[in-house]
N, C-alpha and C. Protein backbone atom coordinates (compact mmCIF):
# COMPACT_ATOMS: atom_id res chain seq x y z
N ALA A 1 46.79 -83.55 91.27
CA ALA A 1 47.75 -84.40 90.59
C ALA A 1 47.01 -85.45 89.78
N ILE A 2 47.70 -86.04 88.84
CA ILE A 2 47.06 -87.03 87.98
C ILE A 2 46.59 -88.22 88.78
N ALA A 3 47.32 -88.61 89.82
CA ALA A 3 46.88 -89.74 90.64
C ALA A 3 45.53 -89.44 91.27
N ASP A 4 45.32 -88.21 91.68
CA ASP A 4 44.03 -87.82 92.25
C ASP A 4 42.92 -88.00 91.24
N GLU A 5 43.15 -87.55 90.00
CA GLU A 5 42.14 -87.66 88.96
C GLU A 5 41.88 -89.12 88.62
N VAL A 6 42.93 -89.94 88.56
CA VAL A 6 42.74 -91.34 88.24
C VAL A 6 41.92 -92.00 89.33
N ASP A 7 42.23 -91.72 90.59
CA ASP A 7 41.43 -92.23 91.70
C ASP A 7 39.97 -91.82 91.54
N TYR A 8 39.76 -90.58 91.22
CA TYR A 8 38.42 -90.03 91.07
C TYR A 8 37.65 -90.78 90.00
N ASN A 9 38.33 -91.24 88.98
CA ASN A 9 37.68 -91.90 87.86
C ASN A 9 37.54 -93.41 88.02
N THR A 10 38.20 -94.04 88.99
CA THR A 10 38.15 -95.48 89.09
C THR A 10 37.24 -95.97 90.21
N GLU A 11 36.93 -95.14 91.18
CA GLU A 11 36.03 -95.57 92.23
C GLU A 11 34.63 -95.68 91.67
N ILE A 12 33.93 -96.74 92.06
CA ILE A 12 32.60 -96.97 91.51
C ILE A 12 31.55 -96.57 92.53
N GLU A 13 30.60 -95.79 92.08
CA GLU A 13 29.47 -95.34 92.89
C GLU A 13 28.25 -95.45 92.00
N ALA A 14 27.20 -96.03 92.52
CA ALA A 14 25.99 -96.18 91.71
C ALA A 14 25.19 -94.89 91.70
N GLY A 15 24.52 -94.65 90.60
CA GLY A 15 23.56 -93.55 90.54
C GLY A 15 24.02 -92.35 89.75
N TYR A 16 23.04 -91.50 89.45
CA TYR A 16 23.25 -90.28 88.71
C TYR A 16 22.40 -89.19 89.34
N TYR A 17 22.72 -87.94 89.04
CA TYR A 17 21.88 -86.83 89.45
C TYR A 17 20.94 -86.48 88.30
N ASP A 18 19.76 -86.00 88.63
CA ASP A 18 18.84 -85.58 87.58
C ASP A 18 19.19 -84.16 87.14
N ASN A 19 18.60 -83.71 86.04
CA ASN A 19 18.93 -82.41 85.48
C ASN A 19 18.65 -81.27 86.43
N ASP A 20 17.56 -81.35 87.20
CA ASP A 20 17.25 -80.28 88.15
C ASP A 20 18.32 -80.16 89.23
N SER A 21 18.84 -81.29 89.68
CA SER A 21 19.85 -81.28 90.75
C SER A 21 21.15 -80.64 90.30
N ILE A 22 21.54 -80.83 89.04
CA ILE A 22 22.82 -80.30 88.60
C ILE A 22 22.75 -78.83 88.23
N GLU A 23 21.55 -78.27 88.20
CA GLU A 23 21.39 -76.85 87.91
C GLU A 23 21.52 -75.98 89.16
N ILE A 24 21.53 -76.60 90.32
CA ILE A 24 21.61 -75.86 91.58
C ILE A 24 23.06 -75.53 91.88
N ILE A 25 23.32 -74.29 92.27
CA ILE A 25 24.66 -73.88 92.66
C ILE A 25 25.00 -74.57 93.97
N LYS A 26 26.10 -75.25 94.02
CA LYS A 26 26.50 -76.04 95.18
C LYS A 26 27.40 -75.18 96.07
N LEU A 27 26.98 -74.96 97.30
CA LEU A 27 27.77 -74.20 98.27
C LEU A 27 28.23 -75.16 99.37
N ILE A 28 29.43 -74.95 99.87
CA ILE A 28 29.97 -75.83 100.91
C ILE A 28 30.57 -74.99 102.03
N ASP A 29 30.63 -75.58 103.21
CA ASP A 29 31.25 -74.92 104.34
C ASP A 29 32.76 -74.97 104.20
N GLN A 30 33.39 -73.81 104.35
CA GLN A 30 34.82 -73.71 104.15
C GLN A 30 35.61 -74.58 105.13
N SER A 31 35.18 -74.62 106.36
CA SER A 31 35.98 -75.28 107.38
C SER A 31 35.93 -76.80 107.31
N GLU A 32 34.82 -77.37 106.85
CA GLU A 32 34.68 -78.83 106.90
C GLU A 32 34.97 -79.50 105.58
N GLU A 33 34.29 -79.11 104.55
CA GLU A 33 34.28 -79.89 103.33
C GLU A 33 35.45 -79.63 102.40
N THR A 34 36.24 -78.62 102.66
CA THR A 34 37.41 -78.39 101.81
C THR A 34 38.67 -78.97 102.41
N VAL A 35 38.53 -79.62 103.54
CA VAL A 35 39.68 -80.21 104.19
C VAL A 35 40.21 -81.36 103.33
N LYS A 36 41.50 -81.38 103.16
CA LYS A 36 42.13 -82.44 102.38
C LYS A 36 42.23 -83.70 103.23
N SER A 37 42.10 -84.84 102.58
CA SER A 37 42.26 -86.10 103.28
C SER A 37 43.75 -86.39 103.45
N ILE A 38 44.07 -87.50 104.08
CA ILE A 38 45.46 -87.87 104.32
C ILE A 38 46.25 -87.88 103.01
N SER A 39 45.62 -88.34 101.92
CA SER A 39 46.32 -88.42 100.65
C SER A 39 46.38 -87.06 99.94
N ARG A 40 45.96 -86.01 100.61
CA ARG A 40 45.99 -84.65 100.09
C ARG A 40 45.05 -84.46 98.90
N ARG A 41 43.94 -85.19 98.90
CA ARG A 41 42.93 -85.05 97.87
C ARG A 41 41.75 -84.29 98.45
N TYR A 42 41.09 -83.58 97.57
CA TYR A 42 39.85 -82.95 97.96
C TYR A 42 38.71 -83.94 97.80
N LYS A 43 37.71 -83.81 98.63
CA LYS A 43 36.55 -84.69 98.52
C LYS A 43 35.81 -84.36 97.22
N THR A 44 35.51 -85.39 96.47
CA THR A 44 34.77 -85.22 95.23
C THR A 44 33.59 -86.19 95.23
N ASP A 45 32.58 -85.87 94.45
CA ASP A 45 31.34 -86.62 94.42
C ASP A 45 31.36 -87.58 93.23
N LYS A 46 31.36 -88.87 93.52
CA LYS A 46 31.43 -89.89 92.47
C LYS A 46 30.18 -89.89 91.59
N LYS A 47 29.02 -89.56 92.16
CA LYS A 47 27.80 -89.49 91.35
C LYS A 47 27.90 -88.35 90.34
N LEU A 48 28.56 -87.26 90.70
CA LEU A 48 28.77 -86.18 89.73
C LEU A 48 29.66 -86.67 88.59
N ARG A 49 30.69 -87.42 88.92
CA ARG A 49 31.56 -87.99 87.89
C ARG A 49 30.74 -88.85 86.94
N ASN A 50 29.93 -89.74 87.49
CA ASN A 50 29.09 -90.61 86.66
C ASN A 50 28.17 -89.79 85.77
N THR A 51 27.60 -88.74 86.35
CA THR A 51 26.67 -87.89 85.60
C THR A 51 27.38 -87.20 84.45
N ALA A 52 28.58 -86.70 84.70
CA ALA A 52 29.35 -86.04 83.64
C ALA A 52 29.65 -87.02 82.51
N LEU A 53 30.04 -88.23 82.87
CA LEU A 53 30.32 -89.25 81.86
C LEU A 53 29.06 -89.56 81.04
N LYS A 54 27.94 -89.66 81.72
CA LYS A 54 26.68 -89.95 81.04
C LYS A 54 26.29 -88.81 80.09
N ILE A 55 26.40 -87.57 80.56
CA ILE A 55 26.05 -86.41 79.73
C ILE A 55 26.90 -86.38 78.47
N ALA A 56 28.19 -86.69 78.61
CA ALA A 56 29.11 -86.66 77.48
C ALA A 56 29.11 -87.98 76.69
N SER A 57 28.26 -88.91 77.10
CA SER A 57 28.20 -90.24 76.45
C SER A 57 29.57 -90.91 76.40
N HIS A 58 30.36 -90.67 77.43
CA HIS A 58 31.70 -91.25 77.56
C HIS A 58 32.62 -90.85 76.41
N ASN A 59 32.32 -89.73 75.76
CA ASN A 59 33.14 -89.24 74.66
C ASN A 59 34.04 -88.11 75.14
N CYS A 60 35.23 -88.05 74.60
CA CYS A 60 36.18 -86.99 74.92
C CYS A 60 35.61 -85.65 74.44
N GLU A 61 35.38 -84.74 75.37
CA GLU A 61 34.79 -83.45 75.02
C GLU A 61 35.76 -82.58 74.23
N LEU A 62 37.02 -82.74 74.46
CA LEU A 62 38.00 -81.98 73.69
C LEU A 62 37.94 -82.41 72.22
N ALA A 63 37.83 -83.70 72.00
CA ALA A 63 37.69 -84.20 70.63
C ALA A 63 36.41 -83.66 70.00
N THR A 64 35.33 -83.65 70.75
CA THR A 64 34.05 -83.14 70.24
C THR A 64 34.19 -81.68 69.83
N PHE A 65 34.81 -80.86 70.68
CA PHE A 65 35.01 -79.45 70.36
C PHE A 65 35.88 -79.28 69.11
N LYS A 66 36.78 -80.21 68.87
CA LYS A 66 37.67 -80.14 67.70
C LYS A 66 37.06 -80.81 66.47
N GLY A 67 35.88 -81.42 66.63
CA GLY A 67 35.26 -82.12 65.52
C GLY A 67 35.92 -83.45 65.22
N GLU A 68 36.51 -84.06 66.25
CA GLU A 68 37.21 -85.34 66.11
C GLU A 68 36.50 -86.41 66.94
N LYS A 69 36.98 -87.63 66.84
CA LYS A 69 36.50 -88.73 67.68
C LYS A 69 37.72 -89.42 68.24
N HIS A 70 37.85 -89.45 69.55
CA HIS A 70 38.95 -90.15 70.21
C HIS A 70 38.40 -91.43 70.82
N THR A 71 38.76 -92.56 70.27
CA THR A 71 38.32 -93.83 70.84
C THR A 71 39.41 -94.36 71.76
N THR A 72 38.98 -95.07 72.75
CA THR A 72 39.94 -95.64 73.70
C THR A 72 39.75 -97.15 73.70
N PHE A 73 39.24 -97.67 74.76
CA PHE A 73 38.98 -99.11 74.91
C PHE A 73 37.72 -99.23 75.75
N LEU A 74 37.10 -100.38 75.74
CA LEU A 74 35.89 -100.57 76.52
C LEU A 74 36.25 -100.76 77.99
N SER A 75 35.58 -100.03 78.82
CA SER A 75 35.81 -100.12 80.27
C SER A 75 35.18 -101.39 80.81
N ARG A 76 35.87 -102.03 81.72
CA ARG A 76 35.30 -103.23 82.34
C ARG A 76 34.12 -102.90 83.24
N ASN A 77 34.00 -101.63 83.64
CA ASN A 77 32.92 -101.24 84.55
C ASN A 77 31.58 -101.06 83.86
N ASN A 78 31.60 -100.69 82.56
CA ASN A 78 30.32 -100.36 81.94
C ASN A 78 30.25 -100.66 80.44
N ASP A 79 31.25 -101.31 79.88
CA ASP A 79 31.28 -101.65 78.44
C ASP A 79 31.14 -100.43 77.53
N LYS A 80 31.54 -99.27 78.01
CA LYS A 80 31.56 -98.06 77.19
C LYS A 80 33.01 -97.63 77.03
N ASP A 81 33.25 -96.72 76.07
CA ASP A 81 34.61 -96.22 75.92
C ASP A 81 35.11 -95.68 77.25
N TYR A 82 36.31 -96.08 77.62
CA TYR A 82 36.90 -95.57 78.85
C TYR A 82 37.16 -94.08 78.69
N ALA A 83 36.74 -93.31 79.66
CA ALA A 83 36.98 -91.87 79.68
C ALA A 83 37.23 -91.45 81.12
N GLU A 84 37.87 -90.32 81.28
CA GLU A 84 38.19 -89.79 82.60
C GLU A 84 37.54 -88.43 82.76
N VAL A 85 37.32 -88.06 84.01
CA VAL A 85 36.69 -86.77 84.30
C VAL A 85 37.74 -85.85 84.91
N HIS A 86 37.81 -84.65 84.38
CA HIS A 86 38.80 -83.66 84.78
C HIS A 86 38.08 -82.40 85.26
N HIS A 87 38.56 -81.82 86.33
CA HIS A 87 38.04 -80.52 86.79
C HIS A 87 38.71 -79.43 85.96
N LEU A 88 37.94 -78.73 85.14
CA LEU A 88 38.50 -77.66 84.32
C LEU A 88 39.21 -76.63 85.20
N VAL A 89 38.49 -76.11 86.19
CA VAL A 89 39.13 -75.30 87.22
C VAL A 89 39.61 -76.30 88.26
N PRO A 90 40.92 -76.47 88.41
CA PRO A 90 41.46 -77.53 89.28
C PRO A 90 40.99 -77.41 90.72
N MET A 91 40.83 -78.54 91.37
CA MET A 91 40.35 -78.56 92.75
C MET A 91 41.24 -77.76 93.69
N HIS A 92 42.53 -77.65 93.42
CA HIS A 92 43.39 -76.87 94.31
C HIS A 92 43.00 -75.40 94.31
N ALA A 93 42.29 -74.96 93.28
CA ALA A 93 41.83 -73.57 93.22
C ALA A 93 40.67 -73.31 94.18
N GLN A 94 40.16 -74.36 94.80
CA GLN A 94 39.08 -74.21 95.77
C GLN A 94 39.49 -73.28 96.90
N GLU A 95 40.79 -73.19 97.16
CA GLU A 95 41.29 -72.34 98.24
C GLU A 95 41.36 -70.88 97.84
N ASP A 96 41.12 -70.58 96.57
CA ASP A 96 41.18 -69.21 96.07
C ASP A 96 39.95 -68.43 96.53
N ASP A 97 40.14 -67.17 96.89
CA ASP A 97 39.03 -66.34 97.37
C ASP A 97 38.01 -66.00 96.29
N THR A 98 38.28 -66.39 95.07
CA THR A 98 37.38 -66.10 93.95
C THR A 98 36.04 -66.79 94.11
N PHE A 99 36.00 -67.93 94.75
CA PHE A 99 34.82 -68.77 94.76
C PHE A 99 34.09 -68.72 96.10
N ILE A 100 33.58 -67.55 96.45
CA ILE A 100 32.85 -67.37 97.70
C ILE A 100 31.51 -66.70 97.42
N LYS A 101 30.47 -67.21 98.07
CA LYS A 101 29.14 -66.63 97.97
C LYS A 101 28.45 -66.83 99.32
N ASP A 102 27.91 -65.75 99.85
CA ASP A 102 27.20 -65.82 101.13
C ASP A 102 28.05 -66.47 102.22
N SER A 103 29.31 -66.09 102.29
CA SER A 103 30.28 -66.58 103.28
C SER A 103 30.56 -68.08 103.17
N LYS A 104 30.24 -68.67 102.04
CA LYS A 104 30.55 -70.08 101.81
C LYS A 104 31.33 -70.19 100.51
N LEU A 105 32.07 -71.27 100.40
CA LEU A 105 32.79 -71.53 99.16
C LEU A 105 31.84 -72.12 98.12
N ILE A 106 32.00 -71.70 96.90
CA ILE A 106 31.26 -72.31 95.79
C ILE A 106 32.09 -73.50 95.36
N SER A 107 31.52 -74.68 95.45
CA SER A 107 32.26 -75.90 95.15
C SER A 107 32.70 -75.94 93.70
N LEU A 108 33.92 -76.37 93.48
CA LEU A 108 34.42 -76.60 92.13
C LEU A 108 34.02 -77.98 91.62
N ASP A 109 33.47 -78.78 92.50
CA ASP A 109 33.04 -80.13 92.15
C ASP A 109 31.57 -80.08 91.75
N GLN A 110 31.30 -79.52 90.57
CA GLN A 110 29.95 -79.49 90.02
C GLN A 110 30.01 -79.63 88.51
N ILE A 111 28.92 -80.06 87.93
CA ILE A 111 28.87 -80.47 86.52
C ILE A 111 29.50 -79.48 85.54
N PRO A 112 29.23 -78.18 85.61
CA PRO A 112 29.84 -77.30 84.60
C PRO A 112 31.36 -77.32 84.62
N ASN A 113 31.95 -77.71 85.72
CA ASN A 113 33.41 -77.72 85.85
C ASN A 113 34.01 -79.09 85.54
N LEU A 114 33.18 -80.09 85.29
CA LEU A 114 33.68 -81.44 85.02
C LEU A 114 33.72 -81.68 83.52
N ILE A 115 34.90 -81.99 83.03
CA ILE A 115 35.14 -82.21 81.61
C ILE A 115 35.50 -83.69 81.41
N VAL A 116 34.84 -84.34 80.48
CA VAL A 116 35.15 -85.73 80.15
C VAL A 116 36.22 -85.74 79.06
N LEU A 117 37.30 -86.47 79.32
CA LEU A 117 38.43 -86.53 78.40
C LEU A 117 38.87 -87.98 78.19
N CYS A 118 39.40 -88.26 77.01
CA CYS A 118 40.05 -89.55 76.80
C CYS A 118 41.35 -89.51 77.63
N PRO A 119 41.92 -90.67 77.94
CA PRO A 119 43.14 -90.68 78.76
C PRO A 119 44.28 -89.87 78.17
N THR A 120 44.42 -89.87 76.85
CA THR A 120 45.52 -89.13 76.22
C THR A 120 45.34 -87.63 76.42
N CYS A 121 44.14 -87.12 76.14
CA CYS A 121 43.88 -85.68 76.32
C CYS A 121 44.01 -85.29 77.79
N HIS A 122 43.58 -86.19 78.68
CA HIS A 122 43.68 -85.88 80.11
C HIS A 122 45.14 -85.74 80.53
N ARG A 123 45.98 -86.67 80.07
CA ARG A 123 47.40 -86.58 80.41
C ARG A 123 48.03 -85.33 79.79
N LYS A 124 47.58 -85.00 78.58
CA LYS A 124 48.11 -83.81 77.91
C LYS A 124 47.82 -82.56 78.74
N ILE A 125 46.60 -82.45 79.27
CA ILE A 125 46.24 -81.29 80.10
C ILE A 125 47.18 -81.19 81.31
N HIS A 126 47.54 -82.35 81.88
CA HIS A 126 48.39 -82.34 83.07
C HIS A 126 49.88 -82.23 82.75
N TYR A 127 50.31 -82.83 81.63
CA TYR A 127 51.75 -82.96 81.40
C TYR A 127 52.23 -82.40 80.06
N GLY A 128 51.33 -81.85 79.25
CA GLY A 128 51.71 -81.36 77.93
C GLY A 128 52.48 -80.06 77.98
N GLN A 129 53.01 -79.69 76.84
CA GLN A 129 53.72 -78.42 76.69
C GLN A 129 52.73 -77.28 76.92
N ASP A 130 53.19 -76.23 77.58
CA ASP A 130 52.30 -75.11 77.93
C ASP A 130 51.51 -74.57 76.75
N GLN A 131 52.16 -74.40 75.60
CA GLN A 131 51.46 -73.81 74.46
C GLN A 131 50.35 -74.72 73.96
N ASP A 132 50.54 -76.04 74.03
CA ASP A 132 49.51 -77.00 73.61
C ASP A 132 48.37 -77.06 74.62
N VAL A 133 48.74 -77.08 75.89
CA VAL A 133 47.73 -77.11 76.96
C VAL A 133 46.89 -75.84 76.91
N LYS A 134 47.54 -74.71 76.68
CA LYS A 134 46.82 -73.43 76.60
C LYS A 134 45.74 -73.48 75.52
N LEU A 135 46.08 -73.98 74.36
CA LEU A 135 45.11 -74.07 73.26
C LEU A 135 43.91 -74.95 73.64
N ASP A 136 44.19 -76.08 74.28
CA ASP A 136 43.11 -76.97 74.69
C ASP A 136 42.26 -76.34 75.79
N LEU A 137 42.91 -75.69 76.75
CA LEU A 137 42.15 -75.03 77.82
C LEU A 137 41.27 -73.91 77.26
N GLU A 138 41.78 -73.18 76.29
CA GLU A 138 40.98 -72.11 75.68
C GLU A 138 39.73 -72.69 75.02
N LEU A 139 39.88 -73.80 74.35
CA LEU A 139 38.75 -74.45 73.69
C LEU A 139 37.73 -74.96 74.72
N LEU A 140 38.22 -75.63 75.74
CA LEU A 140 37.34 -76.15 76.79
C LEU A 140 36.64 -75.01 77.54
N PHE A 141 37.40 -73.96 77.86
CA PHE A 141 36.83 -72.83 78.59
C PHE A 141 35.75 -72.14 77.76
N GLU A 142 36.01 -71.96 76.49
CA GLU A 142 35.03 -71.31 75.62
C GLU A 142 33.74 -72.11 75.58
N GLY A 143 33.87 -73.42 75.57
CA GLY A 143 32.69 -74.27 75.55
C GLY A 143 31.93 -74.33 76.85
N ARG A 144 32.58 -73.96 77.95
CA ARG A 144 31.96 -74.07 79.27
C ARG A 144 31.74 -72.75 80.00
N LYS A 145 32.24 -71.64 79.49
CA LYS A 145 32.25 -70.42 80.29
C LYS A 145 30.85 -69.96 80.71
N GLU A 146 29.84 -70.13 79.86
CA GLU A 146 28.50 -69.70 80.24
C GLU A 146 27.92 -70.57 81.35
N SER A 147 28.10 -71.88 81.26
CA SER A 147 27.59 -72.74 82.33
C SER A 147 28.39 -72.56 83.62
N LEU A 148 29.67 -72.25 83.52
CA LEU A 148 30.45 -71.93 84.73
C LEU A 148 29.88 -70.68 85.39
N ARG A 149 29.60 -69.66 84.60
CA ARG A 149 29.05 -68.41 85.16
C ARG A 149 27.69 -68.63 85.78
N LYS A 150 26.86 -69.48 85.17
CA LYS A 150 25.54 -69.78 85.73
C LYS A 150 25.65 -70.40 87.11
N HIS A 151 26.78 -71.04 87.38
CA HIS A 151 27.02 -71.66 88.69
C HIS A 151 27.96 -70.81 89.55
N ASP A 152 28.05 -69.53 89.22
CA ASP A 152 28.85 -68.56 89.97
C ASP A 152 30.34 -68.89 90.01
N LEU A 153 30.82 -69.65 89.05
CA LEU A 153 32.25 -69.90 88.92
C LEU A 153 32.78 -68.89 87.91
N ASN A 154 32.89 -67.66 88.39
CA ASN A 154 33.20 -66.51 87.55
C ASN A 154 34.71 -66.29 87.45
N ILE A 155 35.29 -66.83 86.39
CA ILE A 155 36.71 -66.61 86.13
C ILE A 155 36.88 -66.25 84.66
N ASP A 156 38.04 -65.74 84.35
CA ASP A 156 38.35 -65.49 82.94
C ASP A 156 39.49 -66.43 82.53
N MET A 157 39.83 -66.37 81.28
CA MET A 157 40.85 -67.27 80.75
C MET A 157 42.20 -67.07 81.44
N GLY A 158 42.53 -65.82 81.75
CA GLY A 158 43.79 -65.54 82.44
C GLY A 158 43.86 -66.22 83.80
N GLN A 159 42.76 -66.17 84.54
CA GLN A 159 42.73 -66.83 85.85
C GLN A 159 42.87 -68.34 85.69
N LEU A 160 42.15 -68.90 84.71
CA LEU A 160 42.23 -70.33 84.49
C LEU A 160 43.66 -70.74 84.19
N LEU A 161 44.32 -70.01 83.31
CA LEU A 161 45.71 -70.34 82.99
C LEU A 161 46.62 -70.22 84.21
N SER A 162 46.33 -69.26 85.06
CA SER A 162 47.16 -69.11 86.27
C SER A 162 47.02 -70.31 87.19
N PHE A 163 45.84 -70.93 87.25
CA PHE A 163 45.66 -72.12 88.07
C PHE A 163 46.50 -73.29 87.54
N TYR A 164 46.79 -73.28 86.25
CA TYR A 164 47.64 -74.30 85.64
C TYR A 164 49.10 -73.87 85.56
N LYS A 165 49.39 -72.70 86.09
CA LYS A 165 50.75 -72.13 86.07
C LYS A 165 51.26 -71.95 84.64
N ILE A 166 50.36 -71.49 83.77
CA ILE A 166 50.70 -71.21 82.39
C ILE A 166 50.66 -69.70 82.21
N SER A 167 51.74 -69.11 81.73
CA SER A 167 51.82 -67.65 81.63
C SER A 167 51.88 -67.16 80.20
N LEU A 168 51.67 -68.02 79.24
CA LEU A 168 51.78 -67.63 77.82
C LEU A 168 50.71 -66.64 77.45
């Protein structure tokens, strides 16, 4: 839900991961780490969020793919354009049997699956008309599909749309 994503983007955690660390496929134990908390959120790594923001220079990646610039406002946390981090493959898909390797789940909380968006584009992904969201997801997926595959997040566009309940 959008509240989950907003929470994910507002908690402050110091530090970043180095390039070598984000190239490693992240595996997690199914029984422990995928358990939802009381608020029904999946555990996410705040340092990964920071790293995604840093890699994207706090710029909306959807705007970049479209050749546009989406400006927001300066964040009080870092004096950079405010941006939010979105899981391209939604965290609720972690329960899908698609993401298993060596009897462990392949975490959806890793850099290739984290997309930096301006608040407007982020809300559009969650609440926009299906045909508009589909176009944006296609663009984002095309830009990320190779890095997703490198991290064993092997899905196609049809599967991605199904996670968003889009059937167009």
